């Protein structure tokens, strides 16, 4: 018997990708519902070879579904996720709303799936599970197997994040600015603080009192919650003129010795990881190759001679997939595969 699934925010970039991935992975569904705000009532979205008409969030009966994949932003999730969870459905939320709530698990299945078992057995659970930030998701997939092998002490990460992480308006701005430059039409920043075409912007989310941006703070807090609170991490998050795919330059300091070759072999066997690491021109992965793929790609694995037990990595993944929609679907799959949902 299949499951009944509702996708909230079905008209957005991530919502549409959730529908694509449910179909691609042959998720065991009996029913799929596309849910959006009232202004999107009747808007058509694709689910495989079927067309779904969006239903109104305010009118939908969530007690009739098993899973709700939520991708409608923090405010909507804050208002609706507790209500939906109380109605009996499992909410897997892609916003930042619940990530730091100590009563809500923050899950990347390749990293901390056992936390689902603990949570789902609680009689007092709120039926809300959080999906991490896109830049964190791919990072911890790469860090987990190395942490198990040699215990990570400190991580320094610089991100190169695509505009799709900021939504459709951001993608449109990159496209329009790029075209405009070629016809001598000066680009006007709207979504971003500065020109994004042919430029990089070291600013994602709001600035905090520390001087870090909220995106950088998220990576620190989420890595500690998902992987290990003892890991020290510092991040610099940068928006780059790429449509899809986040890249990260990662420097890691370990407690124990670990060579580049040992790391390469460990990562080749690790779930969710794909090592493409040839020390020759083109022997690495860029966002263009990662777009549309499931894996977290790891390249440029090499030892850092400036610190004891240090490694450098280059990590690339499709931020709309592993960073958002794919991870959400994988959480639902993990619940099913572990027989944690009573039907």
Protein backbone atom coordinates (compact mmCIF):
# COMPACT_ATOMS: atom_id res chain seq x y z
CA UNK A 1 0.00 0.00 0.00
CA UNK A 2 1.32 3.41 -0.97
CA UNK A 3 1.42 6.69 0.90
CA UNK A 4 -0.44 9.95 0.51
CA UNK A 5 1.82 12.97 0.06
CA UNK A 6 1.16 16.71 -0.09
CA UNK A 7 3.74 19.18 -1.39
CA UNK A 8 3.19 22.66 0.07
CA UNK A 9 4.75 25.41 -2.02
CA UNK A 10 4.39 23.31 -5.15
CA UNK A 11 4.77 26.23 -7.56
CA UNK A 12 8.24 27.26 -6.30
CA UNK A 13 11.64 26.02 -7.50
CA UNK A 14 12.04 23.52 -4.66
CA UNK A 15 8.39 22.45 -4.63
CA UNK A 16 8.52 21.55 -8.32
CA UNK A 17 11.79 19.71 -7.73
CA UNK A 18 10.17 17.73 -4.90
CA UNK A 19 7.49 16.54 -7.31
CA UNK A 20 10.14 15.62 -9.89
CA UNK A 21 12.14 13.62 -7.36
CA UNK A 22 9.11 11.80 -5.95
CA UNK A 23 8.43 10.57 -9.49
CA UNK A 24 12.07 9.85 -10.41
CA UNK A 25 12.71 7.78 -7.30
CA UNK A 26 9.40 5.95 -7.63
CA UNK A 27 8.37 6.97 -4.14
CA UNK A 28 5.52 4.66 -3.07
CA UNK A 29 2.60 7.06 -3.46
CA UNK A 30 -1.11 6.41 -3.80
CA UNK A 31 -1.92 10.11 -3.95
CA UNK A 32 0.08 13.31 -4.52
CA UNK A 33 -1.41 16.73 -3.84
CA UNK A 34 0.09 20.02 -4.99
CA UNK A 35 -0.67 22.71 -2.40
CA UNK A 36 -0.10 26.46 -2.70
CA UNK A 37 -1.54 29.77 -1.57
CA UNK A 38 -4.98 30.85 -2.73
CA UNK A 39 -3.54 33.07 -5.48
CA UNK A 40 -2.03 29.94 -7.08
CA UNK A 41 -5.27 27.93 -6.90
CA UNK A 42 -5.62 25.92 -10.09
CA UNK A 43 -2.05 26.55 -11.30
CA UNK A 44 -0.80 23.39 -13.03
CA UNK A 45 2.41 21.59 -12.04
CA UNK A 46 3.91 18.37 -13.38
CA UNK A 47 4.21 15.06 -11.59
CA UNK A 48 5.75 12.63 -14.05
CA UNK A 49 3.39 12.42 -17.00
CA UNK A 50 0.52 13.75 -14.90
CA UNK A 51 -0.58 17.33 -14.41
CA UNK A 52 -1.67 18.38 -10.92
CA UNK A 53 -3.78 21.43 -10.21
CA UNK A 54 -2.76 23.31 -7.09
CA UNK A 55 -5.13 23.20 -4.16
CA UNK A 56 -5.62 25.94 -1.58
CA UNK A 57 -3.52 25.64 1.57
CA UNK A 58 -6.33 27.16 3.65
CA UNK A 59 -8.90 24.59 2.51
CA UNK A 60 -6.92 21.36 2.31
CA UNK A 61 -7.59 18.60 4.87
CA UNK A 62 -4.11 17.50 5.99
CA UNK A 63 -5.52 14.68 8.12
CA UNK A 64 -5.96 12.75 4.86
CA UNK A 65 -2.22 12.51 4.05
CA UNK A 66 0.80 10.73 5.54
CA UNK A 67 3.60 13.14 4.59
CA UNK A 68 3.68 16.88 3.96
CA UNK A 69 6.77 18.15 2.18
CA UNK A 70 6.86 21.81 3.16
CA UNK A 71 8.63 24.36 0.96
CA UNK A 72 6.67 27.56 1.45
CA UNK A 73 9.00 29.62 3.66
CA UNK A 74 9.44 30.12 7.38
CA UNK A 75 6.33 32.18 8.04
CA UNK A 76 4.02 29.67 6.40
CA UNK A 77 5.75 26.79 8.14
CA UNK A 78 5.57 28.50 11.51
CA UNK A 79 1.83 28.98 11.11
CA UNK A 80 0.95 25.64 9.52
CA UNK A 81 3.44 22.92 10.48
CA UNK A 82 2.19 22.53 14.09
CA UNK A 83 -1.41 22.32 12.87
CA UNK A 84 -0.53 19.77 10.22
CA UNK A 85 1.53 17.72 12.67
CA UNK A 86 -1.33 17.75 15.17
CA UNK A 87 -3.60 16.39 12.43
CA UNK A 88 -1.33 13.34 12.18
CA UNK A 89 0.77 13.95 9.08
CA UNK A 90 4.59 14.02 9.21
CA UNK A 91 5.84 17.46 8.13
CA UNK A 92 9.30 17.58 6.56
CA UNK A 93 10.11 21.26 6.42
CA UNK A 94 12.61 22.86 4.08
CA UNK A 95 12.62 26.32 5.70
CA UNK A 96 14.82 27.57 8.53
CA UNK A 97 11.84 27.76 10.91
CA UNK A 98 12.42 24.58 12.94
CA UNK A 99 16.10 23.78 12.36
CA UNK A 100 17.31 25.11 15.70
CA UNK A 101 14.39 23.92 17.82
CA UNK A 102 15.82 21.35 20.27
CA UNK A 103 12.60 19.31 20.05
CA UNK A 104 12.78 19.00 16.24
CA UNK A 105 15.37 16.72 14.60
CA UNK A 106 17.53 18.19 11.84
CA UNK A 107 18.20 15.36 9.43
CA UNK A 108 20.54 14.42 6.60
CA UNK A 109 19.84 10.70 6.15
CA UNK A 110 23.41 9.75 5.19
CA UNK A 111 24.64 11.42 8.38
CA UNK A 112 22.17 11.07 11.27
CA UNK A 113 19.22 8.91 10.23
CA UNK A 114 19.18 7.11 13.62
CA UNK A 115 17.87 10.35 15.15
CA UNK A 116 14.64 9.66 13.26
CA UNK A 117 14.10 6.42 15.17
CA UNK A 118 14.48 8.16 18.51
CA UNK A 119 12.13 10.94 17.48
CA UNK A 120 9.41 8.81 15.89
CA UNK A 121 9.15 6.64 19.01
CA UNK A 122 8.32 9.64 21.19
CA UNK A 123 4.66 9.87 22.16
CA UNK A 124 5.04 13.64 22.54
CA UNK A 125 6.62 14.28 19.14
CA UNK A 126 5.26 17.21 17.15
CA UNK A 127 5.48 15.38 13.79
CA UNK A 128 7.86 18.03 12.41
CA UNK A 129 11.26 17.17 10.94
CA UNK A 130 13.64 19.85 9.66
CA UNK A 131 15.70 19.87 6.49
CA UNK A 132 19.05 21.72 6.78
CA UNK A 133 20.31 24.69 4.84
CA UNK A 134 21.44 23.76 1.33
CA UNK A 135 25.09 24.64 1.95
CA UNK A 136 25.15 22.58 5.16
CA UNK A 137 23.55 19.47 3.65
CA UNK A 138 26.28 18.78 1.11
CA UNK A 139 29.02 19.71 3.57
CA UNK A 140 28.00 17.22 6.26
CA UNK A 141 27.58 14.42 3.71
CA UNK A 142 31.27 14.85 2.90
CA UNK A 143 32.39 15.40 6.50
CA UNK A 144 30.57 12.49 8.17
CA UNK A 145 32.70 9.57 6.91
CA UNK A 146 35.91 11.49 7.52
CA UNK A 147 34.78 12.43 11.03
CA UNK A 148 34.08 8.77 11.78
CA UNK A 149 37.58 7.86 10.60
CA UNK A 150 39.76 10.55 12.17
CA UNK A 151 37.56 12.91 14.30
CA UNK A 152 37.27 16.42 12.91
CA UNK A 153 38.53 19.20 15.15
CA UNK A 154 38.02 22.29 12.96
CA UNK A 155 36.58 23.20 9.56
CA UNK A 156 37.13 26.33 7.47
CA UNK A 157 34.73 26.54 4.54
CA UNK A 158 34.24 29.09 1.79
CA UNK A 159 31.09 28.64 -0.26
CA UNK A 160 30.34 29.55 -3.87
CA UNK A 161 26.55 29.51 -3.88
CA UNK A 162 24.33 29.62 -6.94
CA UNK A 163 21.53 32.15 -7.37
CA UNK A 164 18.83 29.45 -7.35
CA UNK A 165 19.34 29.30 -3.60
CA UNK A 166 17.71 32.72 -3.45
CA UNK A 167 14.69 31.74 -5.57
CA UNK A 168 13.28 32.36 -9.00
CA UNK A 169 13.61 36.16 -8.79
CA UNK A 170 17.33 35.74 -8.22
CA UNK A 171 17.68 33.44 -11.23
CA UNK A 172 15.76 35.94 -13.35
CA UNK A 173 18.02 38.75 -12.16
CA UNK A 174 21.17 36.89 -13.19
CA UNK A 175 19.65 36.11 -16.59
CA UNK A 176 18.43 39.64 -17.23
CA UNK A 177 21.64 41.28 -16.04
CA UNK A 178 23.77 38.98 -18.19
CA UNK A 179 21.69 39.75 -21.29
CA UNK A 180 21.65 43.45 -20.44
CA UNK A 181 25.43 43.72 -20.24
CA UNK A 182 25.75 42.38 -23.78
CA UNK A 183 23.39 45.05 -25.13
CA UNK A 184 24.92 47.86 -23.03
CA UNK A 185 21.89 48.00 -20.71
CA UNK A 186 23.35 48.76 -17.26
CA UNK A 187 22.34 46.08 -14.74
CA UNK A 188 20.19 47.25 -11.85
CA UNK A 189 20.38 45.16 -8.66
CA UNK A 190 16.97 44.33 -7.21
CA UNK A 191 17.11 40.95 -5.51
CA UNK A 192 20.80 41.26 -4.68
CA UNK A 193 22.67 44.15 -3.06
CA UNK A 194 25.11 44.44 -5.96
CA UNK A 195 25.36 43.31 -9.58
CA UNK A 196 25.46 39.50 -9.70
CA UNK A 197 26.27 39.00 -13.39
CA UNK A 198 30.05 38.62 -13.90
CA UNK A 199 30.54 39.31 -10.19
CA UNK A 200 30.64 37.62 -6.78
CA UNK A 201 28.92 38.91 -3.63
CA UNK A 202 30.29 37.96 -0.18
CA UNK A 203 26.92 38.41 1.47
CA UNK A 204 24.11 35.84 1.89
CA UNK A 205 21.24 36.55 4.31
CA UNK A 206 21.35 39.32 6.93
CA UNK A 207 24.38 40.54 8.86
CA UNK A 208 24.66 39.70 12.55
CA UNK A 209 26.37 41.63 15.36
CA UNK A 210 29.42 39.36 15.09
CA UNK A 211 29.98 40.42 11.48
CA UNK A 212 28.98 36.98 10.21
CA UNK A 213 25.97 36.69 7.97
CA UNK A 214 23.03 34.53 9.00
CA UNK A 215 23.98 32.01 6.28
CA UNK A 216 27.42 31.61 7.84
CA UNK A 217 25.92 31.23 11.30
CA UNK A 218 23.51 28.59 9.97
CA UNK A 219 26.37 26.44 8.69
CA UNK A 220 28.03 26.52 12.11
CA UNK A 221 24.89 25.79 14.13
CA UNK A 222 23.55 23.11 11.80
CA UNK A 223 26.84 21.22 11.44
CA UNK A 224 27.09 21.05 15.22
CA UNK A 225 23.49 19.83 15.58
CA UNK A 226 23.66 17.25 12.79
CA UNK A 227 27.21 15.96 13.12
CA UNK A 228 28.97 16.86 16.37
CA UNK A 229 28.67 19.86 18.74
CA UNK A 230 32.43 19.70 19.41
CA UNK A 231 33.40 20.58 15.84
CA UNK A 232 34.66 24.12 15.40
CA UNK A 233 33.61 25.65 12.09
CA UNK A 234 33.99 29.03 10.43
CA UNK A 235 32.40 29.93 7.10
CA UNK A 236 32.47 32.64 4.46
CA UNK A 237 29.42 32.42 2.19
CA UNK A 238 29.57 33.94 -1.27
CA UNK A 239 26.93 34.25 -4.01
CA UNK A 240 28.30 33.57 -7.50
CA UNK A 241 26.81 33.96 -11.02
CA UNK A 242 25.85 30.29 -11.38
CA UNK A 243 22.23 29.22 -11.89
CA UNK A 244 22.24 25.83 -10.09
CA UNK A 245 24.80 24.10 -7.90
CA UNK A 246 26.68 25.14 -4.76
CA UNK A 247 30.44 24.66 -4.45
CA UNK A 248 32.55 24.67 -1.30
CA UNK A 249 36.28 24.88 -0.63
CA UNK A 250 36.74 22.98 2.62
CA UNK A 251 39.79 22.89 4.89
CA UNK A 252 39.64 20.29 7.67
CA UNK A 253 41.83 19.72 10.72
CA UNK A 254 41.60 16.26 12.34
CA UNK A 255 42.53 14.79 15.71
CA UNK A 256 44.13 11.77 14.05
CA UNK A 257 46.39 11.45 11.01
CA UNK A 258 44.62 10.85 7.71
CA UNK A 259 46.21 10.93 4.27
CA UNK A 260 44.63 12.18 1.07
CA UNK A 261 44.60 8.65 -0.29
CA UNK A 262 42.89 7.30 2.83
CA UNK A 263 40.29 10.06 2.62
CA UNK A 264 39.73 9.33 -1.06
CA UNK A 265 39.05 5.65 -0.36
CA UNK A 266 36.76 6.43 2.59
CA UNK A 267 34.71 8.89 0.55
CA UNK A 268 34.42 6.51 -2.40
CA UNK A 269 32.58 4.07 -0.12
CA UNK A 270 30.49 6.67 1.71
CA UNK A 271 26.73 6.98 1.06
CA UNK A 272 25.75 9.96 -1.06
CA UNK A 273 29.35 10.77 -2.06
CA UNK A 274 30.88 10.58 -5.51
CA UNK A 275 34.64 11.10 -5.79
CA UNK A 276 35.91 12.61 -9.04
CA UNK A 277 39.51 13.47 -8.29
CA UNK A 278 41.99 13.20 -11.12
CA UNK A 279 45.01 15.42 -10.80
CA UNK A 280 44.78 16.71 -14.34
CA UNK A 281 42.90 19.46 -16.22
CA UNK A 282 39.17 18.78 -15.95
CA UNK A 283 39.62 16.01 -13.38
CA UNK A 284 37.18 17.59 -10.93
CA UNK A 285 33.48 18.44 -10.79
CA UNK A 286 31.92 21.87 -11.31
CA UNK A 287 28.30 22.97 -10.75
CA UNK A 288 27.44 22.39 -14.42
CA UNK A 289 28.13 18.66 -14.06
CA UNK A 290 26.39 18.41 -10.68
CA UNK A 291 23.14 20.09 -11.78
CA UNK A 292 20.31 17.57 -11.95
CA UNK A 293 22.27 14.89 -10.09
CA UNK A 294 21.71 13.31 -6.67
CA UNK A 295 25.30 12.92 -5.47
CA UNK A 296 27.54 15.16 -3.44
CA UNK A 297 30.69 15.35 -5.58
CA UNK A 298 34.12 15.58 -3.98
CA UNK A 299 37.29 16.61 -5.81
CA UNK A 300 40.71 18.19 -5.18
CA UNK A 301 41.40 15.97 -2.15
CA UNK A 302 44.86 16.87 -0.89
CA UNK A 303 46.84 17.22 2.30
CA UNK A 304 47.36 20.61 3.94
CA UNK A 305 51.02 20.88 4.92
CA UNK A 306 50.44 24.03 6.99
CA UNK A 307 48.65 22.21 9.83
CA UNK A 308 48.95 18.84 11.51
CA UNK A 309 46.42 16.30 10.20
CA UNK A 310 44.93 18.65 7.62
CA UNK A 311 43.07 18.06 4.36
CA UNK A 312 41.53 20.22 1.64
CA UNK A 313 38.42 19.23 -0.35
CA UNK A 314 36.28 20.70 -3.13
CA UNK A 315 32.60 19.79 -2.62
CA UNK A 316 29.86 20.38 -5.21
CA UNK A 317 26.16 19.48 -5.24
CA UNK A 318 22.86 20.51 -6.81
CA UNK A 319 21.43 22.81 -4.14
CA UNK A 320 17.83 22.34 -5.33
CA UNK A 321 18.24 18.58 -4.99
CA UNK A 322 20.53 17.38 -2.19
CA UNK A 323 20.39 20.81 -0.62
CA UNK A 324 16.60 20.82 -0.51
CA UNK A 325 14.14 18.62 -2.41
CA UNK A 326 16.12 15.38 -2.56
CA UNK A 327 17.05 15.46 1.12
CA UNK A 328 13.39 16.06 2.01
CA UNK A 329 12.26 13.02 0.02
CA UNK A 330 15.11 10.93 1.44
CA UNK A 331 13.92 11.72 4.97
CA UNK A 332 10.47 10.38 4.08
CA UNK A 333 12.08 7.30 2.53
CA UNK A 334 14.15 6.73 5.67
CA UNK A 335 11.00 6.82 7.81
CA UNK A 336 9.31 4.28 5.55
CA UNK A 337 12.35 2.01 5.26
CA UNK A 338 12.70 1.87 9.03
CA UNK A 339 8.99 1.12 9.51
CA UNK A 340 8.62 4.20 11.69
CA UNK A 341 5.25 5.34 10.35
CA UNK A 342 2.22 3.47 11.65
CA UNK A 343 -0.44 3.06 8.97
